[in-house]
């Protein structure tokens, strides 16, 4: 561990747990943010996907509560825009802390979560609507909360989640430390956290330097068959297939499985147990292909995703970036593929220019992915 490592500011217990995970050197965002959180600063920070934002806030906050003798009440709240991200943060928390954490999200039995709170967890991780509900029912006490974290905050302040996020923020004690982070920081986010210092980390250019971008032309009616041929030709280690429409998720899943290509699928209407099962099977490598809507594009850290395949292009440029960011994580490289019609290829060309990418046209010929000679 280098002498300028922010990990040296953490207690021995946390350092030992990091070493056991083979994490010996902090990332740039961790080096920048850990000392500031330990000092008690309110902070809004931006760093690209896959750069280690979760540990940047979790490690110093866990360090604080492990030095605190009061283990009878919640001390930290982390809110996330999706159940999947909240669950992932909870898992990360358990790898570096022996203090109790509780996952409190919508879609799960309220009664069971009330029972969990009786076990006096110190770290609360969940979705804003469910946390607000538990506070209103006086089952979750927030008077001794020392810090609240808003993860993927640009999503949390979007119209559909804004009211719940604002309500939870207003329920916090006056001296509560506020921490917010995202891969992209927009004006609504900065306005929501007005008066809080923001830190933008120097981009590592993951999108340009570690992700190779391919374009494969297909008429709309031929897209899924093109996808099938691509998967058979490329044989990805792990592939995430994105589509903007929830109904298309099932359609792609059904057509692939009909053609004996094993995969799992995930979208907003998938029930909680099936969602968990799909992600667990994909994470563990039991399934190599996950078809999903943009629900899973945000924040999920799934190792060894070799290919991102976009069956359409989202209207929101940030969603394109977040989709791509599911590959090339933790220093690795990855491939992003857009399978699109003429309109989408034009849109892709505009993105290529705007984001400074280099897109390589490809075709599937004789069972292989080949370069198109221009």
Protein backbone atom coordinates (compact mmCIF):
# COMPACT_ATOMS: atom_id res chain seq x y z
CA UNK A 1 0.00 0.00 0.00
CA UNK A 2 1.58 3.30 -1.09
CA UNK A 3 2.33 6.05 1.45
CA UNK A 4 -0.04 8.50 -0.22
CA UNK A 5 -2.87 5.97 -0.05
CA UNK A 6 -6.12 7.22 1.46
CA UNK A 7 -6.60 3.66 2.79
CA UNK A 8 -3.94 4.47 5.41
CA UNK A 9 -6.46 6.88 6.99
CA UNK A 10 -8.80 3.96 7.70
CA UNK A 11 -8.71 1.67 10.72
CA UNK A 12 -6.78 -1.61 10.67
CA UNK A 13 -9.92 -3.73 10.51
CA UNK A 14 -11.03 -2.11 7.24
CA UNK A 15 -7.51 -2.28 5.78
CA UNK A 16 -7.35 -6.00 6.57
CA UNK A 17 -10.73 -6.61 4.93
CA UNK A 18 -9.61 -4.71 1.82
CA UNK A 19 -6.39 -6.74 1.68
CA UNK A 20 -8.44 -9.95 1.89
CA UNK A 21 -10.36 -8.72 -1.18
CA UNK A 22 -7.01 -8.05 -2.95
CA UNK A 23 -7.74 -4.32 -2.92
CA UNK A 24 -4.46 -2.69 -1.95
CA UNK A 25 -4.44 0.66 -3.73
CA UNK A 26 -7.26 3.19 -3.87
CA UNK A 27 -8.63 4.48 -7.17
CA UNK A 28 -8.34 8.18 -8.02
CA UNK A 29 -11.85 8.93 -6.76
CA UNK A 30 -11.20 7.07 -3.49
CA UNK A 31 -7.95 8.98 -2.92
CA UNK A 32 -9.77 12.27 -3.50
CA UNK A 33 -13.02 11.64 -1.62
CA UNK A 34 -12.14 9.46 1.41
CA UNK A 35 -10.18 12.20 3.27
CA UNK A 36 -12.93 14.78 2.65
CA UNK A 37 -15.66 12.50 4.02
CA UNK A 38 -13.50 11.64 7.04
CA UNK A 39 -13.22 15.40 7.69
CA UNK A 40 -17.02 15.62 7.77
CA UNK A 41 -17.45 17.70 4.61
CA UNK A 42 -20.71 17.77 2.66
CA UNK A 43 -19.76 16.80 -0.87
CA UNK A 44 -21.23 16.20 -4.34
CA UNK A 45 -18.84 14.26 -6.54
CA UNK A 46 -18.75 13.01 -10.10
CA UNK A 47 -16.64 10.15 -11.41
CA UNK A 48 -17.00 7.85 -14.41
CA UNK A 49 -18.67 4.46 -14.11
CA UNK A 50 -16.41 1.68 -12.87
CA UNK A 51 -14.03 3.97 -10.95
CA UNK A 52 -14.93 2.87 -7.40
CA UNK A 53 -17.47 5.45 -6.16
CA UNK A 54 -19.22 3.03 -3.78
CA UNK A 55 -16.13 2.36 -1.66
CA UNK A 56 -15.18 6.06 -1.92
CA UNK A 57 -18.12 6.88 0.39
CA UNK A 58 -18.67 3.56 2.19
CA UNK A 59 -15.15 3.11 3.58
CA UNK A 60 -14.84 6.46 5.42
CA UNK A 61 -18.41 6.27 6.74
CA UNK A 62 -17.89 2.73 8.05
CA UNK A 63 -14.64 3.95 9.61
CA UNK A 64 -16.62 6.64 11.45
CA UNK A 65 -19.24 4.32 12.92
CA UNK A 66 -16.68 1.68 13.90
CA UNK A 67 -15.11 4.36 16.10
CA UNK A 68 -18.54 5.13 17.60
CA UNK A 69 -19.66 3.23 20.72
CA UNK A 70 -23.40 3.76 20.11
CA UNK A 71 -24.52 0.62 18.30
CA UNK A 72 -28.19 0.93 19.22
CA UNK A 73 -29.39 3.21 16.42
CA UNK A 74 -29.02 3.82 12.68
CA UNK A 75 -26.06 6.05 11.84
CA UNK A 76 -25.83 6.01 8.03
CA UNK A 77 -28.46 6.04 5.29
CA UNK A 78 -27.62 5.27 1.65
CA UNK A 79 -30.36 5.73 -0.94
CA UNK A 80 -30.30 4.38 -4.49
CA UNK A 81 -32.72 4.73 -7.42
CA UNK A 82 -33.19 0.98 -7.96
CA UNK A 83 -33.60 -2.15 -5.86
CA UNK A 84 -30.69 -3.77 -7.72
CA UNK A 85 -28.25 -0.97 -6.94
CA UNK A 86 -29.36 -0.82 -3.29
CA UNK A 87 -28.83 -4.57 -3.00
CA UNK A 88 -25.39 -4.30 -4.56
CA UNK A 89 -24.36 -1.51 -2.15
CA UNK A 90 -25.55 -3.66 0.77
CA UNK A 91 -23.43 -6.57 -0.46
CA UNK A 92 -20.39 -4.29 -0.79
CA UNK A 93 -21.00 -2.99 2.73
CA UNK A 94 -20.99 -6.50 4.21
CA UNK A 95 -17.58 -7.25 2.66
CA UNK A 96 -15.84 -4.44 4.58
CA UNK A 97 -17.81 -4.03 7.81
CA UNK A 98 -18.96 -6.24 10.66
CA UNK A 99 -21.57 -3.66 11.70
CA UNK A 100 -25.17 -4.59 10.88
CA UNK A 101 -26.71 -3.24 7.70
CA UNK A 102 -30.33 -3.43 6.54
CA UNK A 103 -31.66 -3.46 2.98
CA UNK A 104 -35.02 -1.64 2.94
CA UNK A 105 -36.58 -1.46 -0.53
CA UNK A 106 -40.01 -1.37 -2.12
CA UNK A 107 -41.49 -4.62 -3.40
CA UNK A 108 -40.37 -6.52 -0.27
CA UNK A 109 -42.66 -7.30 2.71
CA UNK A 110 -42.93 -4.28 5.00
CA UNK A 111 -43.52 -6.48 8.05
CA UNK A 112 -40.24 -8.33 7.52
CA UNK A 113 -38.36 -5.05 7.20
CA UNK A 114 -39.87 -3.78 10.45
CA UNK A 115 -38.55 -6.95 12.12
CA UNK A 116 -35.09 -6.31 10.65
CA UNK A 117 -35.09 -2.81 12.17
CA UNK A 118 -35.65 -4.36 15.61
CA UNK A 119 -32.16 -5.90 15.23
CA UNK A 120 -30.78 -2.33 15.45
CA UNK A 121 -28.78 -2.05 12.20
CA UNK A 122 -26.44 0.93 12.01
CA UNK A 123 -26.29 1.15 8.22
CA UNK A 124 -29.54 1.58 6.30
CA UNK A 125 -29.53 1.06 2.53
CA UNK A 126 -32.65 1.39 0.45
CA UNK A 127 -35.01 3.22 -1.87
CA UNK A 128 -36.41 6.59 -0.83
CA UNK A 129 -40.14 5.76 -0.95
CA UNK A 130 -39.78 2.74 1.35
CA UNK A 131 -37.48 4.59 3.78
CA UNK A 132 -39.96 7.48 3.98
CA UNK A 133 -42.76 5.01 4.69
CA UNK A 134 -40.82 3.39 7.55
CA UNK A 135 -39.96 6.81 9.02
CA UNK A 136 -43.63 7.89 8.88
CA UNK A 137 -44.59 4.65 10.66
CA UNK A 138 -41.99 5.55 13.33
CA UNK A 139 -40.21 2.24 12.70
CA UNK A 140 -37.05 3.85 11.34
CA UNK A 141 -35.57 6.49 13.65
CA UNK A 142 -33.31 9.06 12.00
CA UNK A 143 -32.50 11.40 14.90
CA UNK A 144 -28.97 9.95 15.27
CA UNK A 145 -28.11 9.71 11.57
CA UNK A 146 -24.65 11.20 11.03
CA UNK A 147 -24.55 10.93 7.20
CA UNK A 148 -26.84 10.36 4.23
CA UNK A 149 -25.59 9.27 0.80
CA UNK A 150 -27.46 9.83 -2.48
CA UNK A 151 -26.02 7.31 -4.97
CA UNK A 152 -26.67 7.83 -8.71
CA UNK A 153 -28.07 11.17 -7.64
CA UNK A 154 -28.92 12.46 -11.12
CA UNK A 155 -31.49 9.67 -11.36
CA UNK A 156 -32.79 10.35 -7.84
CA UNK A 157 -33.70 13.94 -8.73
CA UNK A 158 -35.55 13.04 -11.92
CA UNK A 159 -39.29 13.78 -11.91
CA UNK A 160 -40.50 10.29 -10.91
CA UNK A 161 -38.24 10.07 -7.82
CA UNK A 162 -37.76 13.76 -6.93
CA UNK A 163 -40.49 14.11 -4.29
CA UNK A 164 -39.42 11.02 -2.33
CA UNK A 165 -35.75 12.05 -2.50
CA UNK A 166 -36.52 15.60 -1.32
CA UNK A 167 -38.75 14.35 1.50
CA UNK A 168 -36.04 12.03 2.82
CA UNK A 169 -33.40 14.75 2.62
CA UNK A 170 -35.64 17.10 4.63
CA UNK A 171 -36.22 14.47 7.33
CA UNK A 172 -32.52 14.25 8.19
CA UNK A 173 -31.09 15.91 11.35
CA UNK A 174 -29.71 19.42 10.81
CA UNK A 175 -26.05 18.45 11.37
CA UNK A 176 -26.23 15.37 9.12
CA UNK A 177 -23.36 15.07 6.60
CA UNK A 178 -24.64 15.03 2.99
CA UNK A 179 -22.80 13.01 0.34
CA UNK A 180 -23.99 12.64 -3.25
CA UNK A 181 -22.38 11.02 -6.27
CA UNK A 182 -23.01 10.05 -9.86
CA UNK A 183 -21.22 9.28 -13.11
CA UNK A 184 -22.90 12.36 -14.62
CA UNK A 185 -23.77 15.62 -12.89
CA UNK A 186 -26.49 17.74 -14.47
CA UNK A 187 -27.96 21.12 -13.52
CA UNK A 188 -31.03 19.73 -11.67
CA UNK A 189 -28.65 17.74 -9.44
CA UNK A 190 -26.47 20.77 -8.70
CA UNK A 191 -29.60 22.83 -7.95
CA UNK A 192 -30.94 20.14 -5.58
CA UNK A 193 -27.66 20.20 -3.64
CA UNK A 194 -27.20 23.97 -3.87
CA UNK A 195 -24.47 25.23 -1.55
CA UNK A 196 -22.62 21.90 -1.37
CA UNK A 197 -19.11 21.77 -2.84
CA UNK A 198 -18.88 19.65 -5.98
CA UNK A 199 -15.84 17.67 -7.10
CA UNK A 200 -15.43 16.40 -10.65
CA UNK A 201 -12.71 13.80 -11.11
CA UNK A 202 -10.50 14.03 -14.17
CA UNK A 203 -12.07 11.63 -16.69
CA UNK A 204 -10.15 8.43 -17.31
CA UNK A 205 -11.67 8.33 -20.82
CA UNK A 206 -12.94 4.79 -20.25
CA UNK A 207 -15.52 5.32 -23.00
CA UNK A 208 -12.80 6.14 -25.56
CA UNK A 209 -9.73 4.31 -24.33
CA UNK A 210 -11.01 1.06 -22.85
CA UNK A 211 -14.21 0.40 -24.82
CA UNK A 212 -14.19 -0.57 -28.51
CA UNK A 213 -17.33 0.58 -30.34
CA UNK A 214 -18.88 -1.44 -33.16
CA UNK A 215 -21.88 -0.73 -35.42
CA UNK A 216 -23.89 -3.49 -37.10
CA UNK A 217 -26.62 -2.44 -39.51
CA UNK A 218 -29.94 -4.32 -39.47
CA UNK A 219 -33.48 -3.51 -40.53
CA UNK A 220 -35.85 -3.40 -37.54
CA UNK A 221 -37.48 -6.72 -38.46
CA UNK A 222 -34.07 -8.43 -38.73
CA UNK A 223 -32.48 -7.12 -35.51
CA UNK A 224 -33.12 -10.10 -33.25
CA UNK A 225 -31.93 -12.57 -35.89
CA UNK A 226 -28.80 -10.41 -36.35
CA UNK A 227 -28.33 -10.49 -32.57
CA UNK A 228 -28.62 -14.29 -32.57
CA UNK A 229 -25.99 -14.60 -35.31
CA UNK A 230 -23.72 -12.15 -33.49
CA UNK A 231 -23.91 -14.11 -30.22
CA UNK A 232 -23.11 -17.37 -32.01
CA UNK A 233 -20.20 -15.78 -33.89
CA UNK A 234 -18.67 -13.76 -31.06
CA UNK A 235 -19.33 -16.12 -28.10
CA UNK A 236 -19.08 -13.35 -25.45
CA UNK A 237 -17.81 -14.14 -21.94
CA UNK A 238 -20.77 -12.17 -20.61
CA UNK A 239 -23.12 -9.98 -22.64
CA UNK A 240 -25.62 -7.37 -21.47
CA UNK A 241 -28.29 -6.70 -24.10
CA UNK A 242 -30.13 -3.40 -23.76
CA UNK A 243 -33.41 -2.20 -25.22
CA UNK A 244 -35.36 0.92 -24.22
CA UNK A 245 -38.75 -0.81 -24.32
CA UNK A 246 -39.78 -3.21 -21.56
CA UNK A 247 -42.02 -5.24 -23.94
CA UNK A 248 -39.04 -5.79 -26.24
CA UNK A 249 -37.08 -7.38 -23.38
CA UNK A 250 -39.53 -10.32 -23.26
CA UNK A 251 -39.66 -10.47 -27.06
CA UNK A 252 -35.86 -10.73 -27.39
CA UNK A 253 -35.67 -13.23 -24.51
CA UNK A 254 -38.40 -15.45 -26.02
CA UNK A 255 -36.89 -15.46 -29.51
CA UNK A 256 -33.38 -16.23 -28.25
CA UNK A 257 -34.51 -19.06 -25.97
CA UNK A 258 -36.67 -20.46 -28.81
CA UNK A 259 -33.47 -20.65 -30.86
CA UNK A 260 -31.76 -22.50 -27.96
CA UNK A 261 -29.66 -19.51 -26.84
CA UNK A 262 -29.80 -19.54 -23.06
CA UNK A 263 -30.30 -16.18 -21.33
CA UNK A 264 -32.15 -14.39 -18.53
CA UNK A 265 -34.14 -11.17 -18.70
CA UNK A 266 -34.94 -8.19 -16.49
CA UNK A 267 -37.21 -5.14 -16.77
CA UNK A 268 -39.23 -2.79 -14.55
CA UNK A 269 -42.25 -5.12 -14.30
CA UNK A 270 -40.23 -8.22 -13.37
CA UNK A 271 -41.11 -9.21 -9.80
CA UNK A 272 -38.48 -8.83 -7.09
CA UNK A 273 -37.56 -12.53 -6.76
CA UNK A 274 -37.17 -13.04 -10.53
CA UNK A 275 -35.09 -9.85 -10.76
CA UNK A 276 -32.78 -11.07 -8.00
CA UNK A 277 -32.52 -14.54 -9.54
CA UNK A 278 -31.70 -13.12 -13.00
CA UNK A 279 -28.94 -10.86 -11.67
CA UNK A 280 -27.51 -13.57 -9.39
CA UNK A 281 -27.37 -16.10 -12.23
CA UNK A 282 -25.71 -13.56 -14.53
CA UNK A 283 -23.23 -12.39 -11.88
CA UNK A 284 -22.22 -15.95 -11.00
CA UNK A 285 -21.71 -16.86 -14.67
CA UNK A 286 -24.44 -19.53 -14.70
CA UNK A 287 -26.00 -17.45 -17.49
CA UNK A 288 -23.78 -15.58 -19.93
CA UNK A 289 -26.48 -13.34 -21.43
CA UNK A 290 -28.80 -10.86 -19.69
CA UNK A 291 -31.46 -9.03 -21.69
CA UNK A 292 -32.61 -5.88 -19.94
CA UNK A 293 -34.25 -2.47 -20.14
CA UNK A 294 -32.37 0.58 -18.88
CA UNK A 295 -33.38 -0.43 -15.35
CA UNK A 296 -30.04 -2.26 -15.02
CA UNK A 297 -27.93 0.35 -16.81
CA UNK A 298 -27.35 2.42 -13.71
CA UNK A 299 -24.78 1.63 -11.09
CA UNK A 300 -24.73 -2.15 -11.33
CA UNK A 301 -21.22 -3.53 -10.92
CA UNK A 302 -21.14 -6.94 -12.61
CA UNK A 303 -17.66 -8.29 -13.21
CA UNK A 304 -16.35 -9.70 -16.49
CA UNK A 305 -19.01 -8.20 -18.80
CA UNK A 306 -17.18 -8.45 -22.12
CA UNK A 307 -19.92 -7.10 -24.42
CA UNK A 308 -22.65 -4.48 -24.26
CA UNK A 309 -25.19 -4.89 -27.07
CA UNK A 310 -27.62 -2.03 -27.68
CA UNK A 311 -30.69 -2.98 -29.70
CA UNK A 312 -31.67 0.68 -29.97
CA UNK A 313 -30.20 4.02 -28.94
CA UNK A 314 -31.72 5.83 -25.95
CA UNK A 315 -32.88 9.43 -26.43
CA UNK A 316 -30.87 10.45 -23.36
CA UNK A 317 -27.14 10.56 -24.11
CA UNK A 318 -26.37 9.83 -20.43
CA UNK A 319 -28.16 6.47 -20.75
CA UNK A 320 -25.87 5.57 -23.67
CA UNK A 321 -22.84 6.35 -21.50
CA UNK A 322 -24.23 4.40 -18.53
CA UNK A 323 -25.05 1.40 -20.72
CA UNK A 324 -21.49 1.37 -22.07
CA UNK A 325 -20.18 1.73 -18.53
CA UNK A 326 -21.32 -1.76 -17.59
CA UNK A 327 -18.22 -3.09 -19.37
CA UNK A 328 -14.51 -2.15 -19.04
CA UNK A 329 -14.79 -1.92 -15.26
CA UNK A 330 -11.89 -2.03 -12.79
CA UNK A 331 -9.24 -1.44 -15.44
CA UNK A 332 -10.50 -4.03 -17.93
CA UNK A 333 -11.44 -3.56 -21.61
CA UNK A 334 -14.78 -4.19 -23.30
CA UNK A 335 -16.83 -3.97 -26.50
CA UNK A 336 -19.98 -1.91 -27.09
CA UNK A 337 -22.12 -2.95 -30.07
CA UNK A 338 -25.08 -1.07 -31.53
CA UNK A 339 -27.38 -3.11 -33.77
CA UNK A 340 -29.43 -0.47 -35.55
CA UNK A 341 -31.43 0.58 -38.59
CA UNK A 342 -30.60 3.55 -40.81
CA UNK A 343 -32.06 6.12 -38.38
CA UNK A 344 -30.11 4.67 -35.44
CA UNK A 345 -26.89 4.48 -37.42
CA UNK A 346 -27.24 8.22 -38.16
CA UNK A 347 -27.86 8.87 -34.46
CA UNK A 348 -24.82 6.73 -33.59
CA UNK A 349 -22.68 8.74 -36.04
CA UNK A 350 -23.75 11.94 -34.23
CA UNK A 351 -22.83 10.40 -30.86
CA UNK A 352 -19.50 9.26 -32.29
CA UNK A 353 -18.68 12.85 -33.21
CA UNK A 354 -20.05 14.43 -30.03
CA UNK A 355 -18.35 11.99 -27.61
CA UNK A 356 -15.12 11.69 -29.62
CA UNK A 357 -15.51 7.95 -30.20
CA UNK A 358 -14.19 5.80 -33.02
CA UNK A 359 -16.93 3.46 -34.27
CA UNK A 360 -16.01 0.45 -36.42
CA UNK A 361 -18.68 -0.83 -38.88
CA UNK A 362 -19.01 -4.62 -38.70
CA UNK A 363 -20.97 -7.36 -40.41
CA UNK A 364 -21.57 -11.03 -39.72
CA UNK A 365 -20.23 -13.08 -42.61
CA UNK A 366 -19.73 -16.85 -42.75
CA UNK A 367 -20.37 -17.15 -39.01
CA UNK A 368 -17.76 -14.53 -38.09
CA UNK A 369 -17.84 -10.87 -37.10
CA UNK A 370 -15.95 -9.11 -39.89
CA UNK A 371 -14.82 -5.58 -40.60
CA UNK A 372 -16.63 -3.77 -43.41
CA UNK A 373 -14.11 -2.38 -45.85
CA UNK A 374 -15.05 1.25 -46.45
